[in-house]
Amino acid sequence: MKILVTGAGGNIGRGVVPKLLDRGHEVVLSDLNRLETNLPFFQFDVQQGFGLERAAEGCDLILHTPAWHGIHWNQKTEADFWRLNVDGAFWAFQAARSAGVSRFVFLSSQSWHGHYDKYGFTKR
């Protein structure tokens, strides 16, 4: 299966891509920041929508994993998270439809969930 992974340089994308490759999938990467890779790569801002359709051409699945890497979540506003996760998903859905991609998986950015602490996770 040919899979486009958006946000491929983020925590989730970096974790998923090797697993997809291990399972024999053909993987296309996209990210706002330039990535050092031998895989097909498209650099664009998912919040703008430009470039998504071209990256999605010929793909069977878009795995949308929006990310801000190198930026701590508390440096962003709620509107920033909305633009990345909701507006970005809108553009990714549009690209899937335009490129004829029939499968779409959306994993919101890890930073959308905000700060957590170990103490809270230990309580039942």
N, C-alpha and C. Protein backbone atom coordinates (compact mmCIF):
# COMPACT_ATOMS: atom_id res chain seq x y z
N MET A 1 0.85 -1.17 0.00
CA MET A 1 0.00 0.00 0.00
C MET A 1 0.90 1.24 0.00
N LYS A 2 0.53 2.24 -0.78
CA LYS A 2 1.28 3.50 -0.82
C LYS A 2 0.61 4.48 0.14
N ILE A 3 1.40 4.98 1.11
CA ILE A 3 0.86 5.79 2.20
C ILE A 3 1.58 7.12 2.28
N LEU A 4 0.81 8.21 2.28
CA LEU A 4 1.35 9.55 2.53
C LEU A 4 1.23 9.82 4.02
N VAL A 5 2.36 10.15 4.66
CA VAL A 5 2.37 10.50 6.08
C VAL A 5 2.65 11.99 6.19
N THR A 6 1.65 12.76 6.61
CA THR A 6 1.87 14.19 6.87
C THR A 6 2.45 14.33 8.27
N GLY A 7 3.21 15.40 8.49
CA GLY A 7 3.84 15.58 9.80
C GLY A 7 4.86 14.50 10.10
N ALA A 8 5.52 14.02 9.05
CA ALA A 8 6.42 12.88 9.19
C ALA A 8 7.61 13.15 10.10
N GLY A 9 7.93 14.41 10.35
CA GLY A 9 9.05 14.74 11.22
C GLY A 9 8.68 14.88 12.68
N GLY A 10 7.40 14.82 13.00
CA GLY A 10 6.95 14.95 14.38
C GLY A 10 7.09 13.66 15.16
N ASN A 11 6.76 13.70 16.44
CA ASN A 11 6.90 12.52 17.29
C ASN A 11 6.11 11.33 16.77
N ILE A 12 4.87 11.56 16.40
CA ILE A 12 4.02 10.45 15.94
C ILE A 12 4.50 9.96 14.57
N GLY A 13 4.72 10.88 13.65
CA GLY A 13 5.18 10.51 12.31
C GLY A 13 6.48 9.73 12.33
N ARG A 14 7.44 10.22 13.12
CA ARG A 14 8.74 9.52 13.21
C ARG A 14 8.60 8.12 13.77
N GLY A 15 7.61 7.91 14.62
CA GLY A 15 7.40 6.58 15.18
C GLY A 15 6.68 5.64 14.24
N VAL A 16 5.79 6.19 13.42
CA VAL A 16 4.95 5.38 12.53
C VAL A 16 5.69 4.97 11.25
N VAL A 17 6.46 5.87 10.69
CA VAL A 17 7.09 5.61 9.39
C VAL A 17 7.93 4.33 9.38
N PRO A 18 8.83 4.10 10.34
CA PRO A 18 9.61 2.85 10.31
C PRO A 18 8.74 1.60 10.40
N LYS A 19 7.65 1.68 11.15
CA LYS A 19 6.75 0.52 11.26
C LYS A 19 6.06 0.24 9.93
N LEU A 20 5.66 1.29 9.22
CA LEU A 20 5.04 1.10 7.90
C LEU A 20 6.04 0.48 6.93
N LEU A 21 7.27 0.97 6.95
CA LEU A 21 8.30 0.42 6.06
C LEU A 21 8.60 -1.03 6.40
N ASP A 22 8.66 -1.35 7.69
CA ASP A 22 8.90 -2.74 8.11
C ASP A 22 7.82 -3.68 7.61
N ARG A 23 6.62 -3.15 7.43
CA ARG A 23 5.49 -3.97 6.96
C ARG A 23 5.38 -3.99 5.44
N GLY A 24 6.37 -3.39 4.77
CA GLY A 24 6.43 -3.46 3.32
C GLY A 24 5.66 -2.39 2.57
N HIS A 25 5.18 -1.36 3.26
CA HIS A 25 4.44 -0.30 2.59
C HIS A 25 5.39 0.67 1.89
N GLU A 26 4.90 1.26 0.84
CA GLU A 26 5.61 2.34 0.16
C GLU A 26 5.18 3.63 0.86
N VAL A 27 6.13 4.41 1.36
CA VAL A 27 5.80 5.57 2.18
C VAL A 27 6.29 6.85 1.51
N VAL A 28 5.40 7.84 1.49
CA VAL A 28 5.70 9.19 1.02
C VAL A 28 5.61 10.10 2.23
N LEU A 29 6.61 10.96 2.41
CA LEU A 29 6.66 11.83 3.58
C LEU A 29 6.33 13.26 3.22
N SER A 30 5.70 13.96 4.16
CA SER A 30 5.53 15.40 4.04
C SER A 30 5.71 16.03 5.41
N ASP A 31 6.23 17.25 5.39
CA ASP A 31 6.44 17.98 6.63
C ASP A 31 6.70 19.44 6.28
N LEU A 32 6.48 20.31 7.24
CA LEU A 32 6.79 21.73 7.06
C LEU A 32 8.30 21.94 6.97
N ASN A 33 9.03 21.18 7.75
CA ASN A 33 10.49 21.29 7.78
C ASN A 33 11.13 20.24 6.86
N ARG A 34 12.26 20.61 6.32
CA ARG A 34 13.01 19.70 5.45
C ARG A 34 13.49 18.50 6.27
N LEU A 35 13.29 17.31 5.74
CA LEU A 35 13.73 16.08 6.39
C LEU A 35 14.84 15.44 5.57
N GLU A 36 15.84 14.91 6.25
CA GLU A 36 16.89 14.15 5.58
C GLU A 36 16.36 12.73 5.40
N THR A 37 16.08 12.36 4.17
CA THR A 37 15.48 11.06 3.90
C THR A 37 15.77 10.62 2.47
N ASN A 38 15.73 9.33 2.25
CA ASN A 38 15.82 8.78 0.90
C ASN A 38 14.44 8.48 0.34
N LEU A 39 13.41 8.68 1.16
CA LEU A 39 12.04 8.43 0.73
C LEU A 39 11.51 9.64 -0.02
N PRO A 40 10.47 9.45 -0.85
CA PRO A 40 9.85 10.60 -1.51
C PRO A 40 9.39 11.60 -0.44
N PHE A 41 9.71 12.89 -0.63
CA PHE A 41 9.43 13.91 0.37
C PHE A 41 8.84 15.16 -0.27
N PHE A 42 7.81 15.70 0.37
CA PHE A 42 7.18 16.94 -0.04
C PHE A 42 7.19 17.89 1.14
N GLN A 43 7.71 19.10 0.92
CA GLN A 43 7.78 20.09 1.99
C GLN A 43 6.70 21.13 1.79
N PHE A 44 5.79 21.22 2.75
CA PHE A 44 4.73 22.23 2.71
C PHE A 44 4.08 22.35 4.08
N ASP A 45 3.30 23.41 4.23
CA ASP A 45 2.55 23.66 5.46
C ASP A 45 1.15 23.12 5.30
N VAL A 46 0.81 22.09 6.04
CA VAL A 46 -0.50 21.44 5.92
C VAL A 46 -1.63 22.42 6.25
N GLN A 47 -1.34 23.47 7.03
CA GLN A 47 -2.36 24.45 7.38
C GLN A 47 -2.77 25.30 6.18
N GLN A 48 -1.93 25.33 5.15
CA GLN A 48 -2.22 26.12 3.96
C GLN A 48 -2.87 25.29 2.85
N GLY A 49 -2.63 24.00 2.86
CA GLY A 49 -3.22 23.12 1.86
C GLY A 49 -2.44 22.98 0.58
N PHE A 50 -1.53 23.90 0.30
CA PHE A 50 -0.77 23.85 -0.94
C PHE A 50 0.22 22.69 -0.92
N GLY A 51 0.22 21.88 -1.94
CA GLY A 51 1.16 20.78 -2.05
C GLY A 51 0.60 19.44 -1.63
N LEU A 52 -0.46 19.44 -0.87
CA LEU A 52 -1.03 18.18 -0.38
C LEU A 52 -1.53 17.29 -1.50
N GLU A 53 -2.26 17.87 -2.44
CA GLU A 53 -2.84 17.05 -3.51
C GLU A 53 -1.75 16.39 -4.34
N ARG A 54 -0.70 17.14 -4.65
CA ARG A 54 0.40 16.58 -5.44
C ARG A 54 1.08 15.44 -4.68
N ALA A 55 1.28 15.61 -3.38
CA ALA A 55 1.90 14.57 -2.56
C ALA A 55 1.03 13.32 -2.48
N ALA A 56 -0.29 13.51 -2.51
CA ALA A 56 -1.24 12.40 -2.35
C ALA A 56 -1.48 11.61 -3.63
N GLU A 57 -1.05 12.12 -4.76
CA GLU A 57 -1.29 11.43 -6.03
C GLU A 57 -0.75 10.01 -6.00
N GLY A 58 -1.60 9.06 -6.35
CA GLY A 58 -1.21 7.66 -6.41
C GLY A 58 -1.19 6.94 -5.08
N CYS A 59 -1.54 7.65 -4.01
CA CYS A 59 -1.54 7.02 -2.68
C CYS A 59 -2.85 6.28 -2.43
N ASP A 60 -2.78 5.25 -1.61
CA ASP A 60 -3.95 4.49 -1.20
C ASP A 60 -4.49 4.98 0.13
N LEU A 61 -3.64 5.65 0.90
CA LEU A 61 -4.00 6.09 2.25
C LEU A 61 -3.23 7.36 2.59
N ILE A 62 -3.93 8.29 3.25
CA ILE A 62 -3.25 9.43 3.87
C ILE A 62 -3.30 9.20 5.37
N LEU A 63 -2.14 9.18 5.99
CA LEU A 63 -2.03 9.10 7.44
C LEU A 63 -1.64 10.50 7.90
N HIS A 64 -2.63 11.23 8.39
CA HIS A 64 -2.46 12.64 8.74
C HIS A 64 -2.04 12.76 10.20
N THR A 65 -0.76 13.07 10.42
CA THR A 65 -0.22 13.20 11.78
C THR A 65 0.40 14.59 11.94
N PRO A 66 -0.44 15.63 12.04
CA PRO A 66 0.09 16.99 12.10
C PRO A 66 1.02 17.16 13.30
N ALA A 67 2.02 18.01 13.13
CA ALA A 67 3.02 18.13 14.20
C ALA A 67 3.69 19.49 14.20
N TRP A 68 4.07 19.90 15.38
CA TRP A 68 5.04 20.98 15.56
C TRP A 68 6.21 20.36 16.27
N HIS A 69 7.31 20.22 15.62
CA HIS A 69 8.46 19.68 16.33
C HIS A 69 9.45 20.81 16.59
N GLY A 70 10.10 20.71 17.74
CA GLY A 70 11.02 21.76 18.15
C GLY A 70 10.33 22.92 18.84
N ILE A 71 9.00 22.82 19.02
CA ILE A 71 8.24 23.88 19.67
C ILE A 71 7.45 23.26 20.81
N HIS A 72 7.58 23.83 21.99
CA HIS A 72 6.83 23.30 23.13
C HIS A 72 5.37 23.74 23.01
N TRP A 73 4.46 22.87 23.42
CA TRP A 73 3.02 23.13 23.27
C TRP A 73 2.59 24.42 23.95
N ASN A 74 3.23 24.84 25.03
CA ASN A 74 2.76 26.05 25.72
C ASN A 74 3.20 27.33 25.02
N GLN A 75 3.91 27.22 23.91
CA GLN A 75 4.28 28.38 23.12
C GLN A 75 3.21 28.69 22.06
N LYS A 76 2.16 27.91 22.03
CA LYS A 76 1.11 28.07 21.03
C LYS A 76 -0.22 28.39 21.69
N THR A 77 -1.11 29.03 20.93
CA THR A 77 -2.44 29.36 21.43
C THR A 77 -3.43 28.28 21.00
N GLU A 78 -4.62 28.34 21.58
CA GLU A 78 -5.66 27.40 21.18
C GLU A 78 -5.99 27.55 19.69
N ALA A 79 -5.95 28.78 19.20
CA ALA A 79 -6.20 29.02 17.77
C ALA A 79 -5.13 28.35 16.91
N ASP A 80 -3.89 28.36 17.38
CA ASP A 80 -2.81 27.69 16.65
C ASP A 80 -3.08 26.19 16.54
N PHE A 81 -3.51 25.59 17.66
CA PHE A 81 -3.83 24.15 17.65
C PHE A 81 -4.99 23.86 16.71
N TRP A 82 -5.98 24.75 16.71
CA TRP A 82 -7.14 24.60 15.82
C TRP A 82 -6.68 24.61 14.37
N ARG A 83 -5.86 25.59 14.01
CA ARG A 83 -5.39 25.68 12.62
C ARG A 83 -4.61 24.44 12.21
N LEU A 84 -3.73 23.97 13.09
CA LEU A 84 -2.92 22.79 12.75
C LEU A 84 -3.78 21.54 12.63
N ASN A 85 -4.63 21.30 13.61
CA ASN A 85 -5.38 20.05 13.66
C ASN A 85 -6.66 20.06 12.84
N VAL A 86 -7.46 21.10 12.94
CA VAL A 86 -8.75 21.12 12.25
C VAL A 86 -8.61 21.64 10.82
N ASP A 87 -8.01 22.81 10.66
CA ASP A 87 -7.83 23.34 9.31
C ASP A 87 -6.91 22.42 8.49
N GLY A 88 -5.86 21.94 9.13
CA GLY A 88 -4.95 21.01 8.44
C GLY A 88 -5.66 19.75 7.99
N ALA A 89 -6.53 19.22 8.86
CA ALA A 89 -7.30 18.02 8.50
C ALA A 89 -8.25 18.32 7.34
N PHE A 90 -8.86 19.50 7.35
CA PHE A 90 -9.75 19.89 6.25
C PHE A 90 -9.00 19.83 4.93
N TRP A 91 -7.81 20.45 4.88
CA TRP A 91 -7.03 20.45 3.64
C TRP A 91 -6.57 19.06 3.26
N ALA A 92 -6.23 18.25 4.24
CA ALA A 92 -5.81 16.88 3.95
C ALA A 92 -6.98 16.06 3.41
N PHE A 93 -8.18 16.25 3.97
CA PHE A 93 -9.38 15.58 3.44
C PHE A 93 -9.64 16.02 2.00
N GLN A 94 -9.53 17.31 1.76
CA GLN A 94 -9.74 17.84 0.40
C GLN A 94 -8.75 17.22 -0.58
N ALA A 95 -7.49 17.13 -0.18
CA ALA A 95 -6.47 16.54 -1.05
C ALA A 95 -6.77 15.07 -1.32
N ALA A 96 -7.22 14.36 -0.29
CA ALA A 96 -7.57 12.94 -0.47
C ALA A 96 -8.68 12.80 -1.50
N ARG A 97 -9.68 13.63 -1.37
CA ARG A 97 -10.81 13.57 -2.31
C ARG A 97 -10.35 13.91 -3.72
N SER A 98 -9.60 14.98 -3.87
CA SER A 98 -9.14 15.42 -5.19
C SER A 98 -8.21 14.41 -5.85
N ALA A 99 -7.37 13.75 -5.04
CA ALA A 99 -6.40 12.80 -5.58
C ALA A 99 -6.96 11.38 -5.69
N GLY A 100 -8.21 11.19 -5.26
CA GLY A 100 -8.83 9.87 -5.35
C GLY A 100 -8.33 8.88 -4.31
N VAL A 101 -7.85 9.40 -3.18
CA VAL A 101 -7.37 8.54 -2.09
C VAL A 101 -8.59 8.09 -1.29
N SER A 102 -8.80 6.79 -1.18
CA SER A 102 -10.04 6.28 -0.57
C SER A 102 -9.94 6.05 0.94
N ARG A 103 -8.73 6.07 1.49
CA ARG A 103 -8.57 5.82 2.93
C ARG A 103 -7.85 7.00 3.58
N PHE A 104 -8.32 7.33 4.79
CA PHE A 104 -7.77 8.49 5.50
C PHE A 104 -7.78 8.19 6.99
N VAL A 105 -6.65 8.38 7.64
CA VAL A 105 -6.56 8.22 9.10
C VAL A 105 -6.03 9.53 9.66
N PHE A 106 -6.73 10.08 10.65
CA PHE A 106 -6.34 11.35 11.26
C PHE A 106 -5.96 11.12 12.71
N LEU A 107 -4.71 11.44 13.04
CA LEU A 107 -4.23 11.41 14.42
C LEU A 107 -3.86 12.84 14.78
N SER A 108 -4.59 13.45 15.70
CA SER A 108 -4.29 14.84 16.05
C SER A 108 -2.89 14.96 16.61
N SER A 109 -2.34 16.16 16.52
CA SER A 109 -0.99 16.37 17.02
C SER A 109 -0.92 16.01 18.50
N GLN A 110 0.21 15.49 18.89
CA GLN A 110 0.40 15.12 20.29
C GLN A 110 0.22 16.34 21.19
N SER A 111 0.61 17.52 20.71
CA SER A 111 0.53 18.73 21.52
C SER A 111 -0.91 19.19 21.75
N TRP A 112 -1.85 18.73 20.94
CA TRP A 112 -3.26 19.11 21.10
C TRP A 112 -3.78 18.70 22.47
N HIS A 113 -3.23 17.63 23.00
CA HIS A 113 -3.72 17.09 24.27
C HIS A 113 -3.18 17.84 25.47
N GLY A 114 -2.24 18.74 25.25
CA GLY A 114 -1.74 19.58 26.33
C GLY A 114 -0.82 18.87 27.31
N HIS A 115 -0.54 19.57 28.39
CA HIS A 115 0.40 19.09 29.39
C HIS A 115 -0.23 17.97 30.21
N TYR A 116 0.58 17.02 30.58
CA TYR A 116 0.14 15.96 31.47
C TYR A 116 1.23 15.74 32.50
N ASP A 117 0.85 15.12 33.57
CA ASP A 117 1.88 14.78 34.55
C ASP A 117 1.76 13.32 34.95
N LYS A 118 2.86 12.78 35.41
CA LYS A 118 2.92 11.37 35.78
C LYS A 118 1.96 11.07 36.92
N TYR A 119 1.80 12.00 37.85
CA TYR A 119 0.93 11.81 39.00
C TYR A 119 -0.50 11.49 38.56
N GLY A 120 -1.01 12.26 37.61
CA GLY A 120 -2.38 12.05 37.13
C GLY A 120 -2.59 10.70 36.48
N PHE A 121 -1.56 10.19 35.82
CA PHE A 121 -1.68 8.89 35.16
C PHE A 121 -1.64 7.71 36.13
N THR A 122 -1.16 7.96 37.34
CA THR A 122 -1.08 6.86 38.30
C THR A 122 -2.36 6.70 39.11
N LYS A 123 -3.30 7.64 38.99
CA LYS A 123 -4.56 7.59 39.75
C LYS A 123 -5.63 6.86 38.95
N ARG A 124 -6.48 6.12 39.65
CA ARG A 124 -7.54 5.38 38.95
C ARG A 124 -8.89 5.94 39.28
